[in-house]
PDB file of all heavy atoms in Angstrom:
ATOM      1  N   TYR A   1     138.005 -32.932  82.019  1.00  0.00           N
ATOM      2  CA  TYR A   1     136.674 -32.321  81.929  1.00  0.00           C
ATOM      3  C   TYR A   1     136.310 -31.771  83.298  1.00  0.00           C
ATOM      4  O   TYR A   1     136.376 -32.473  84.301  1.00  0.00           O
ATOM      5  CB  TYR A   1     135.638 -33.353  81.476  1.00  0.00           C
ATOM      6  CG  TYR A   1     135.965 -33.965  80.137  1.00  0.00           C
ATOM      7  CD1 TYR A   1     136.468 -35.256  80.058  1.00  0.00           C
ATOM      8  CD2 TYR A   1     135.810 -33.230  78.961  1.00  0.00           C
ATOM      9  CE1 TYR A   1     136.788 -35.822  78.823  1.00  0.00           C
ATOM     10  CE2 TYR A   1     136.129 -33.779  77.732  1.00  0.00           C
ATOM     11  CZ  TYR A   1     136.617 -35.069  77.669  1.00  0.00           C
ATOM     12  OH  TYR A   1     136.949 -35.618  76.451  1.00  0.00           O
ATOM     13  N   ASN A   2     135.901 -30.507  83.334  1.00  0.00           N
ATOM     14  CA  ASN A   2     135.629 -29.833  84.601  1.00  0.00           C
ATOM     15  C   ASN A   2     134.159 -29.452  84.688  1.00  0.00           C
ATOM     16  O   ASN A   2     133.770 -28.339  84.348  1.00  0.00           O
ATOM     17  CB  ASN A   2     136.506 -28.578  84.725  1.00  0.00           C
ATOM     18  CG  ASN A   2     137.982 -28.910  84.637  1.00  0.00           C
ATOM     19  OD1 ASN A   2     138.472 -29.724  85.392  1.00  0.00           O
ATOM     20  ND2 ASN A   2     138.690 -28.292  83.703  1.00  0.00           N
ATOM     21  N   ASN A   3     133.339 -30.378  85.116  1.00  0.00           N
ATOM     22  CA  ASN A   3     131.914 -30.114  85.268  1.00  0.00           C
ATOM     23  C   ASN A   3     131.602 -29.882  86.738  1.00  0.00           C
ATOM     24  O   ASN A   3     131.665 -30.802  87.561  1.00  0.00           O
ATOM     25  CB  ASN A   3     131.088 -31.302  84.748  1.00  0.00           C
ATOM     26  CG  ASN A   3     131.285 -31.500  83.254  1.00  0.00           C
ATOM     27  OD1 ASN A   3     131.312 -30.529  82.503  1.00  0.00           O
ATOM     28  ND2 ASN A   3     131.438 -32.742  82.820  1.00  0.00           N
ATOM     29  N   VAL A   4     131.299 -28.637  87.082  1.00  0.00           N
ATOM     30  CA  VAL A   4     130.923 -28.296  88.447  1.00  0.00           C
ATOM     31  C   VAL A   4     129.414 -28.419  88.545  1.00  0.00           C
ATOM     32  O   VAL A   4     128.668 -27.765  87.814  1.00  0.00           O
ATOM     33  CB  VAL A   4     131.385 -26.878  88.812  1.00  0.00           C
ATOM     34  CG1 VAL A   4     130.956 -26.524  90.233  1.00  0.00           C
ATOM     35  CG2 VAL A   4     132.893 -26.762  88.657  1.00  0.00           C
ATOM     36  N   GLY A   5     128.953 -29.269  89.460  1.00  0.00           N
ATOM     37  CA  GLY A   5     127.531 -29.598  89.523  1.00  0.00           C
ATOM     38  C   GLY A   5     126.632 -28.437  89.889  1.00  0.00           C
ATOM     39  O   GLY A   5     125.504 -28.346  89.412  1.00  0.00           O
ATOM     40  N   PHE A   6     127.110 -27.527  90.740  1.00  0.00           N
ATOM     41  CA  PHE A   6     126.288 -26.409  91.198  1.00  0.00           C
ATOM     42  C   PHE A   6     126.902 -25.098  90.711  1.00  0.00           C
ATOM     43  O   PHE A   6     128.101 -25.021  90.427  1.00  0.00           O
ATOM     44  CB  PHE A   6     126.178 -26.418  92.725  1.00  0.00           C
ATOM     45  CG  PHE A   6     125.502 -27.651  93.271  1.00  0.00           C
ATOM     46  CD1 PHE A   6     126.254 -28.753  93.661  1.00  0.00           C
ATOM     47  CD2 PHE A   6     124.124 -27.714  93.369  1.00  0.00           C
ATOM     48  CE1 PHE A   6     125.646 -29.889  94.153  1.00  0.00           C
ATOM     49  CE2 PHE A   6     123.501 -28.848  93.852  1.00  0.00           C
ATOM     50  CZ  PHE A   6     124.252 -29.946  94.256  1.00  0.00           C
ATOM     51  N   ASN A   7     126.055 -24.084  90.661  1.00  0.00           N
ATOM     52  CA  ASN A   7     126.508 -22.814  90.101  1.00  0.00           C
ATOM     53  C   ASN A   7     127.184 -21.947  91.162  1.00  0.00           C
ATOM     54  O   ASN A   7     126.759 -20.838  91.462  1.00  0.00           O
ATOM     55  CB  ASN A   7     125.321 -22.069  89.477  1.00  0.00           C
ATOM     56  CG  ASN A   7     125.768 -21.179  88.323  1.00  0.00           C
ATOM     57  OD1 ASN A   7     126.869 -21.332  87.810  1.00  0.00           O
ATOM     58  ND2 ASN A   7     124.916 -20.262  87.923  1.00  0.00           N
ATOM     59  N   PHE A   8     128.293 -22.474  91.720  1.00  0.00           N
ATOM     60  CA  PHE A   8     129.064 -21.715  92.698  1.00  0.00           C
ATOM     61  C   PHE A   8     129.765 -20.539  92.021  1.00  0.00           C
ATOM     62  O   PHE A   8     129.999 -20.548  90.808  1.00  0.00           O
ATOM     63  CB  PHE A   8     130.122 -22.607  93.352  1.00  0.00           C
ATOM     64  CG  PHE A   8     129.564 -23.739  94.161  1.00  0.00           C
ATOM     65  CD1 PHE A   8     129.612 -25.043  93.691  1.00  0.00           C
ATOM     66  CD2 PHE A   8     128.998 -23.503  95.413  1.00  0.00           C
ATOM     67  CE1 PHE A   8     129.106 -26.091  94.444  1.00  0.00           C
ATOM     68  CE2 PHE A   8     128.498 -24.545  96.166  1.00  0.00           C
ATOM     69  CZ  PHE A   8     128.543 -25.848  95.686  1.00  0.00           C
ATOM     70  N   SER A   9     130.126 -19.549  92.816  1.00  0.00           N
ATOM     71  CA  SER A   9     130.949 -18.470  92.276  1.00  0.00           C
ATOM     72  C   SER A   9     132.361 -19.008  92.049  1.00  0.00           C
ATOM     73  O   SER A   9     132.767 -20.016  92.640  1.00  0.00           O
ATOM     74  CB  SER A   9     130.998 -17.295  93.261  1.00  0.00           C
ATOM     75  OG  SER A   9     131.768 -17.636  94.401  1.00  0.00           O
ATOM     76  N   ALA A  10     133.101 -18.323  91.183  1.00  0.00           N
ATOM     77  CA  ALA A  10     134.471 -18.755  90.899  1.00  0.00           C
ATOM     78  C   ALA A  10     135.304 -18.774  92.188  1.00  0.00           C
ATOM     79  O   ALA A  10     136.115 -19.681  92.403  1.00  0.00           O
ATOM     80  CB  ALA A  10     135.106 -17.829  89.865  1.00  0.00           C
ATOM     81  N   MET A  11     135.092 -17.778  93.067  1.00  0.00           N
ATOM     82  CA  MET A  11     135.830 -17.735  94.333  1.00  0.00           C
ATOM     83  C   MET A  11     135.509 -18.950  95.197  1.00  0.00           C
ATOM     84  O   MET A  11     136.409 -19.562  95.795  1.00  0.00           O
ATOM     85  CB  MET A  11     135.489 -16.445  95.091  1.00  0.00           C
ATOM     86  CG  MET A  11     136.229 -16.295  96.419  1.00  0.00           C
ATOM     87  SD  MET A  11     138.028 -16.275  96.194  1.00  0.00           S
ATOM     88  CE  MET A  11     138.560 -15.683  97.790  1.00  0.00           C
ATOM     89  N   ASP A  12     134.243 -19.350  95.259  1.00  0.00           N
ATOM     90  CA  ASP A  12     133.852 -20.521  96.051  1.00  0.00           C
ATOM     91  C   ASP A  12     134.521 -21.781  95.513  1.00  0.00           C
ATOM     92  O   ASP A  12     134.945 -22.656  96.281  1.00  0.00           O
ATOM     93  CB  ASP A  12     132.334 -20.692  96.030  1.00  0.00           C
ATOM     94  CG  ASP A  12     131.620 -19.648  96.878  1.00  0.00           C
ATOM     95  OD1 ASP A  12     132.251 -19.118  97.808  1.00  0.00           O
ATOM     96  OD2 ASP A  12     130.435 -19.359  96.602  1.00  0.00           O
ATOM     97  N   VAL A  13     134.618 -21.876  94.166  1.00  0.00           N
ATOM     98  CA  VAL A  13     135.249 -23.051  93.553  1.00  0.00           C
ATOM     99  C   VAL A  13     136.722 -23.107  93.934  1.00  0.00           C
ATOM    100  O   VAL A  13     137.254 -24.170  94.284  1.00  0.00           O
ATOM    101  CB  VAL A  13     135.077 -23.028  92.022  1.00  0.00           C
ATOM    102  CG1 VAL A  13     135.916 -24.127  91.369  1.00  0.00           C
ATOM    103  CG2 VAL A  13     133.611 -23.193  91.637  1.00  0.00           C
ATOM    104  N   VAL A  14     137.407 -21.975  93.884  1.00  0.00           N
ATOM    105  CA  VAL A  14     138.833 -21.945  94.224  1.00  0.00           C
ATOM    106  C   VAL A  14     139.029 -22.262  95.706  1.00  0.00           C
ATOM    107  O   VAL A  14     139.966 -22.980  96.082  1.00  0.00           O
ATOM    108  CB  VAL A  14     139.448 -20.578  93.868  1.00  0.00           C
ATOM    109  CG1 VAL A  14     140.912 -20.519  94.303  1.00  0.00           C
ATOM    110  CG2 VAL A  14     139.350 -20.333  92.363  1.00  0.00           C
ATOM    111  N   LEU A  15     138.143 -21.766  96.547  1.00  0.00           N
ATOM    112  CA  LEU A  15     138.240 -22.044  97.981  1.00  0.00           C
ATOM    113  C   LEU A  15     138.082 -23.534  98.291  1.00  0.00           C
ATOM    114  O   LEU A  15     138.545 -24.005  99.336  1.00  0.00           O
ATOM    115  CB  LEU A  15     137.193 -21.238  98.753  1.00  0.00           C
ATOM    116  CG  LEU A  15     137.559 -19.775  99.060  1.00  0.00           C
ATOM    117  CD1 LEU A  15     136.363 -19.037  99.633  1.00  0.00           C
ATOM    118  CD2 LEU A  15     138.739 -19.711 100.032  1.00  0.00           C
ATOM    119  N   MET A  16     137.438 -24.277  97.388  1.00  0.00           N
ATOM    120  CA  MET A  16     137.317 -25.727  97.585  1.00  0.00           C
ATOM    121  C   MET A  16     138.698 -26.388  97.646  1.00  0.00           C
ATOM    122  O   MET A  16     138.857 -27.458  98.228  1.00  0.00           O
ATOM    123  CB  MET A  16     136.496 -26.351  96.452  1.00  0.00           C
ATOM    124  CG  MET A  16     135.034 -25.969  96.455  1.00  0.00           C
ATOM    125  SD  MET A  16     134.157 -26.660  95.024  1.00  0.00           S
ATOM    126  CE  MET A  16     132.563 -25.844  95.193  1.00  0.00           C
ATOM    127  N   GLY A  17     139.672 -25.733  97.058  1.00  0.00           N
ATOM    128  CA  GLY A  17     141.033 -26.260  97.119  1.00  0.00           C
ATOM    129  C   GLY A  17     141.614 -26.240  98.520  1.00  0.00           C
ATOM    130  O   GLY A  17     142.619 -26.908  98.796  1.00  0.00           O
ATOM    131  N   ARG A  18     140.998 -25.496  99.424  1.00  0.00           N
ATOM    132  CA  ARG A  18     141.487 -25.425 100.801  1.00  0.00           C
ATOM    133  C   ARG A  18     140.899 -26.523 101.687  1.00  0.00           C
ATOM    134  O   ARG A  18     141.344 -26.716 102.826  1.00  0.00           O
ATOM    135  CB  ARG A  18     141.129 -24.049 101.411  1.00  0.00           C
ATOM    136  CG  ARG A  18     141.720 -22.868 100.674  1.00  0.00           C
ATOM    137  CD  ARG A  18     143.224 -22.950 100.584  1.00  0.00           C
ATOM    138  NE  ARG A  18     143.827 -23.036 101.928  1.00  0.00           N
ATOM    139  CZ  ARG A  18     145.028 -23.553 102.168  1.00  0.00           C
ATOM    140  NH1 ARG A  18     145.750 -24.067 101.179  1.00  0.00           N
ATOM    141  NH2 ARG A  18     145.507 -23.584 103.401  1.00  0.00           N
ATOM    142  N   ASN A  19     139.888 -27.258 101.182  1.00  0.00           N
ATOM    143  CA  ASN A  19     139.195 -28.254 102.004  1.00  0.00           C
ATOM    144  C   ASN A  19     140.135 -29.292 102.645  1.00  0.00           C
ATOM    145  O   ASN A  19     139.942 -29.656 103.802  1.00  0.00           O
ATOM    146  CB  ASN A  19     138.123 -28.973 101.176  1.00  0.00           C
ATOM    147  CG  ASN A  19     136.929 -28.080 100.884  1.00  0.00           C
ATOM    148  OD1 ASN A  19     136.765 -27.037 101.518  1.00  0.00           O
ATOM    149  ND2 ASN A  19     136.099 -28.467  99.924  1.00  0.00           N
ATOM    150  N   PRO A  20     141.167 -29.788 101.909  1.00  0.00           N
ATOM    151  CA  PRO A  20     142.042 -30.793 102.542  1.00  0.00           C
ATOM    152  C   PRO A  20     142.791 -30.269 103.765  1.00  0.00           C
ATOM    153  O   PRO A  20     143.270 -31.064 104.586  1.00  0.00           O
ATOM    154  CB  PRO A  20     143.028 -31.154 101.423  1.00  0.00           C
ATOM    155  CG  PRO A  20     142.337 -30.782 100.159  1.00  0.00           C
ATOM    156  CD  PRO A  20     141.523 -29.586 100.497  1.00  0.00           C
ATOM    157  N   HIS A  21     142.880 -28.950 103.904  1.00  0.00           N
ATOM    158  CA  HIS A  21     143.636 -28.356 105.011  1.00  0.00           C
ATOM    159  C   HIS A  21     142.727 -27.901 106.151  1.00  0.00           C
ATOM    160  O   HIS A  21     143.207 -27.302 107.126  1.00  0.00           O
ATOM    161  CB  HIS A  21     144.454 -27.172 104.494  1.00  0.00           C
ATOM    162  CG  HIS A  21     145.385 -27.520 103.373  1.00  0.00           C
ATOM    163  ND1 HIS A  21     146.601 -28.126 103.583  1.00  0.00           N
ATOM    164  CD2 HIS A  21     145.254 -27.382 102.021  1.00  0.00           C
ATOM    165  CE1 HIS A  21     147.203 -28.327 102.412  1.00  0.00           C
ATOM    166  NE2 HIS A  21     146.403 -27.882 101.451  1.00  0.00           N
ATOM    167  N   LEU A  22     141.418 -28.160 106.027  1.00  0.00           N
ATOM    168  CA  LEU A  22     140.459 -27.748 107.053  1.00  0.00           C
ATOM    169  C   LEU A  22     140.011 -28.946 107.876  1.00  0.00           C
ATOM    170  O   LEU A  22     139.935 -30.075 107.374  1.00  0.00           O
ATOM    171  CB  LEU A  22     139.246 -27.075 106.405  1.00  0.00           C
ATOM    172  CG  LEU A  22     139.501 -25.855 105.517  1.00  0.00           C
ATOM    173  CD1 LEU A  22     138.187 -25.364 104.921  1.00  0.00           C
ATOM    174  CD2 LEU A  22     140.182 -24.746 106.308  1.00  0.00           C
ATOM    175  N   GLY A  23     139.671 -28.689 109.117  1.00  0.00           N
ATOM    176  CA  GLY A  23     139.126 -29.738 109.957  1.00  0.00           C
ATOM    177  C   GLY A  23     137.644 -29.934 109.656  1.00  0.00           C
ATOM    178  O   GLY A  23     137.031 -29.184 108.884  1.00  0.00           O
ATOM    179  N   ASP A  24     137.044 -30.949 110.261  1.00  0.00           N
ATOM    180  CA  ASP A  24     135.625 -31.207 110.063  1.00  0.00           C
ATOM    181  C   ASP A  24     134.808 -30.001 110.528  1.00  0.00           C
ATOM    182  O   ASP A  24     135.006 -29.474 111.633  1.00  0.00           O
ATOM    183  CB  ASP A  24     135.186 -32.449 110.842  1.00  0.00           C
ATOM    184  CG  ASP A  24     135.843 -33.713 110.299  1.00  0.00           C
ATOM    185  OD1 ASP A  24     136.268 -33.683 109.123  1.00  0.00           O
ATOM    186  OD2 ASP A  24     135.944 -34.709 111.044  1.00  0.00           O
ATOM    187  N   PHE A  25     133.902 -29.574 109.653  1.00  0.00           N
ATOM    188  CA  PHE A  25     132.992 -28.449 109.936  1.00  0.00           C
ATOM    189  C   PHE A  25     133.732 -27.126 110.136  1.00  0.00           C
ATOM    190  O   PHE A  25     133.156 -26.149 110.614  1.00  0.00           O
ATOM    191  CB  PHE A  25     132.126 -28.741 111.177  1.00  0.00           C
ATOM    192  CG  PHE A  25     131.404 -30.050 111.113  1.00  0.00           C
ATOM    193  CD1 PHE A  25     131.775 -31.104 111.938  1.00  0.00           C
ATOM    194  CD2 PHE A  25     130.371 -30.240 110.206  1.00  0.00           C
ATOM    195  CE1 PHE A  25     131.123 -32.328 111.876  1.00  0.00           C
ATOM    196  CE2 PHE A  25     129.711 -31.460 110.140  1.00  0.00           C
ATOM    197  CZ  PHE A  25     130.083 -32.505 110.961  1.00  0.00           C
ATOM    198  N   GLN A  26     135.001 -27.086 109.768  1.00  0.00           N
ATOM    199  CA  GLN A  26     135.769 -25.847 109.911  1.00  0.00           C
ATOM    200  C   GLN A  26     135.567 -24.964 108.684  1.00  0.00           C
ATOM    201  O   GLN A  26     135.585 -25.435 107.547  1.00  0.00           O
ATOM    202  CB  GLN A  26     137.258 -26.154 110.088  1.00  0.00           C
ATOM    203  CG  GLN A  26     138.132 -24.914 110.286  1.00  0.00           C
ATOM    204  CD  GLN A  26     139.607 -25.260 110.413  1.00  0.00           C
ATOM    205  OE1 GLN A  26     139.971 -26.433 110.537  1.00  0.00           O
ATOM    206  NE2 GLN A  26     140.461 -24.244 110.370  1.00  0.00           N
ATOM    207  N   MET A  27     135.394 -23.678 108.887  1.00  0.00           N
ATOM    208  CA  MET A  27     135.215 -22.718 107.803  1.00  0.00           C
ATOM    209  C   MET A  27     136.568 -22.110 107.407  1.00  0.00           C
ATOM    210  O   MET A  27     137.512 -22.113 108.201  1.00  0.00           O
ATOM    211  CB  MET A  27     134.262 -21.602 108.226  1.00  0.00           C
ATOM    212  CG  MET A  27     132.848 -22.084 108.535  1.00  0.00           C
ATOM    213  SD  MET A  27     132.005 -22.773 107.080  1.00  0.00           S
ATOM    214  CE  MET A  27     131.825 -21.286 106.092  1.00  0.00           C
ATOM    215  N   GLU A  28     136.626 -21.597 106.190  1.00  0.00           N
ATOM    216  CA  GLU A  28     137.852 -20.949 105.739  1.00  0.00           C
ATOM    217  C   GLU A  28     138.103 -19.688 106.555  1.00  0.00           C
ATOM    218  O   GLU A  28     137.168 -18.939 106.880  1.00  0.00           O
ATOM    219  CB  GLU A  28     137.764 -20.583 104.255  1.00  0.00           C
ATOM    220  CG  GLU A  28     137.565 -21.750 103.313  1.00  0.00           C
ATOM    221  CD  GLU A  28     136.087 -22.058 103.079  1.00  0.00           C
ATOM    222  OE1 GLU A  28     135.238 -21.413 103.748  1.00  0.00           O
ATOM    223  OE2 GLU A  28     135.770 -22.932 102.254  1.00  0.00           O
ATOM    224  N   ASN A  29     139.363 -19.450 106.861  1.00  0.00           N
ATOM    225  CA  ASN A  29     139.713 -18.231 107.580  1.00  0.00           C
ATOM    226  C   ASN A  29     140.381 -17.237 106.634  1.00  0.00           C
ATOM    227  O   ASN A  29     140.460 -17.460 105.406  1.00  0.00           O
ATOM    228  CB  ASN A  29     140.606 -18.548 108.787  1.00  0.00           C
ATOM    229  CG  ASN A  29     141.881 -19.290 108.371  1.00  0.00           C
ATOM    230  OD1 ASN A  29     142.374 -19.127 107.263  1.00  0.00           O
ATOM    231  ND2 ASN A  29     142.417 -20.100 109.290  1.00  0.00           N
ATOM    232  N   THR A  30     140.888 -16.173 107.192  1.00  0.00           N
ATOM    233  CA  THR A  30     141.517 -15.116 106.390  1.00  0.00           C
ATOM    234  C   THR A  30     142.699 -15.646 105.586  1.00  0.00           C
ATOM    235  O   THR A  30     142.904 -15.270 104.423  1.00  0.00           O
ATOM    236  CB  THR A  30     141.982 -13.968 107.297  1.00  0.00           C
ATOM    237  OG1 THR A  30     140.876 -13.483 108.044  1.00  0.00           O
ATOM    238  CG2 THR A  30     142.564 -12.825 106.473  1.00  0.00           C
ATOM    239  N   LYS A  31     143.479 -16.558 106.210  1.00  0.00           N
ATOM    240  CA  LYS A  31     144.630 -17.140 105.517  1.00  0.00           C
ATOM    241  C   LYS A  31     144.180 -17.908 104.281  1.00  0.00           C
ATOM    242  O   LYS A  31     144.788 -17.783 103.202  1.00  0.00           O
ATOM    243  CB  LYS A  31     145.395 -18.056 106.457  1.00  0.00           C
ATOM    244  CG  LYS A  31     146.565 -18.778 105.795  1.00  0.00           C
ATOM    245  CD  LYS A  31     147.228 -19.773 106.747  1.00  0.00           C
ATOM    246  CE  LYS A  31     148.317 -20.562 106.038  1.00  0.00           C
ATOM    247  NZ  LYS A  31     148.933 -21.590 106.927  1.00  0.00           N
ATOM    248  N   ASP A  32     143.123 -18.701 104.411  1.00  0.00           N
ATOM    249  CA  ASP A  32     142.624 -19.484 103.279  1.00  0.00           C
ATOM    250  C   ASP A  32     142.135 -18.575 102.154  1.00  0.00           C
ATOM    251  O   ASP A  32     142.383 -18.836 100.976  1.00  0.00           O
ATOM    252  CB  ASP A  32     141.478 -20.404 103.730  1.00  0.00           C
ATOM    253  CG  ASP A  32     141.926 -21.426 104.762  1.00  0.00           C
ATOM    254  OD1 ASP A  32     142.953 -22.080 104.528  1.00  0.00           O
ATOM    255  OD2 ASP A  32     141.248 -21.551 105.799  1.00  0.00           O
ATOM    256  N   ILE A  33     141.456 -17.516 102.519  1.00  0.00           N
ATOM    257  CA  ILE A  33     140.954 -16.572 101.518  1.00  0.00           C
ATOM    258  C   ILE A  33     142.117 -15.881 100.806  1.00  0.00           C
ATOM    259  O   ILE A  33     142.094 -15.687  99.583  1.00  0.00           O
ATOM    260  CB  ILE A  33     140.012 -15.542 102.181  1.00  0.00           C
ATOM    261  CG1 ILE A  33     138.746 -16.255 102.676  1.00  0.00           C
ATOM    262  CG2 ILE A  33     139.647 -14.431 101.189  1.00  0.00           C
ATOM    263  CD1 ILE A  33     137.830 -15.377 103.499  1.00  0.00           C
ATOM    264  N   ASP A  34     143.155 -15.523 101.553  1.00  0.00           N
ATOM    265  CA  ASP A  34     144.331 -14.895 100.944  1.00  0.00           C
ATOM    266  C   ASP A  34     145.019 -15.850  99.967  1.00  0.00           C
ATOM    267  O   ASP A  34     145.473 -15.435  98.891  1.00  0.00           O
ATOM    268  CB  ASP A  34     145.324 -14.464 102.030  1.00  0.00           C
ATOM    269  CG  ASP A  34     144.828 -13.261 102.812  1.00  0.00           C
ATOM    270  OD1 ASP A  34     143.915 -12.574 102.324  1.00  0.00           O
ATOM    271  OD2 ASP A  34     145.356 -13.029 103.929  1.00  0.00           O
ATOM    272  N   ILE A  35     145.117 -17.129 100.335  1.00  0.00           N
ATOM    273  CA  ILE A  35     145.738 -18.128  99.459  1.00  0.00           C
ATOM    274  C   ILE A  35     144.923 -18.294  98.186  1.00  0.00           C
ATOM    275  O   ILE A  35     145.472 -18.370  97.079  1.00  0.00           O
ATOM    276  CB  ILE A  35     145.875 -19.482 100.200  1.00  0.00           C
ATOM    277  CG1 ILE A  35     146.924 -19.368 101.302  1.00  0.00           C
ATOM    278  CG2 ILE A  35     146.247 -20.600  99.228  1.00  0.00           C
ATOM    279  CD1 ILE A  35     146.990 -20.573 102.223  1.00  0.00           C
ATOM    280  N   ALA A  36     143.588 -18.320  98.327  1.00  0.00           N
ATOM    281  CA  ALA A  36     142.714 -18.456  97.158  1.00  0.00           C
ATOM    282  C   ALA A  36     142.840 -17.234  96.250  1.00  0.00           C
ATOM    283  O   ALA A  36     142.890 -17.366  95.012  1.00  0.00           O
ATOM    284  CB  ALA A  36     141.269 -18.637  97.607  1.00  0.00           C
ATOM    285  N   LYS A  37     142.894 -16.057  96.863  1.00  0.00           N
ATOM    286  CA  LYS A  37     143.028 -14.831  96.072  1.00  0.00           C
ATOM    287  C   LYS A  37     144.348 -14.833  95.298  1.00  0.00           C
ATOM    288  O   LYS A  37     144.392 -14.485  94.107  1.00  0.00           O
ATOM    289  CB  LYS A  37     142.956 -13.603  96.979  1.00  0.00           C
ATOM    290  CG  LYS A  37     143.105 -12.295  96.210  1.00  0.00           C
ATOM    291  CD  LYS A  37     143.040 -11.088  97.144  1.00  0.00           C
ATOM    292  CE  LYS A  37     143.229  -9.795  96.350  1.00  0.00           C
ATOM    293  NZ  LYS A  37     143.209  -8.603  97.237  1.00  0.00           N
TER     294      LYS A  37
END
């Protein structure tokens, strides 16, 4: 069951998959966006 609590865009949801590879308070970079795309 995939219940997303907030109404994020589909791209934002996919980018959440990059969180384990980011440091604390680090934002996604171009590489992360390319991987999500």
